[in-house]
């Protein structure tokens, strides 16, 4: 059986874009207010850490190896922006996995179970809040 180029292109497009039919339209993370609450917590923790790092007392040495011993405000802002992008991506991925991946036993989706919902909404914001919040608190104690 010889495939023609149109059949191969159609097959590749189906594989790439996932020809899956669903009964209900899929919910997206950016339309979920609970996801945005977690995102606000991530932003607040990163902003607090960035502010405490940028306003350190004279003679203080930065312990973050990405920033170096005496980072400029520009470097602090750029590293914090990159960190925020990574954490936002992880938060969106956690939300997606807990809302659109069926359970192994076939009993529904992960969003139907409280533990999975808690991880999807709170997992990444909680970890970022602990790590960045601790760093900010330690930096503010230096003054």
Foldseek 3Di string as FASTA:
>chain_A
DDDDPVVVVVVVVCVVVPPDDDDDDADALVVDVLQVVLLVLLVVLLVLLLVLLQPFDPPAFDPDPQQHGRHHNVSSVVVSVVVSVVLNVVLRVLLCQQRPPPDPVRPGGNVVDPVSVCCSRPVSSVVSNVVSVVSSVVSVVND
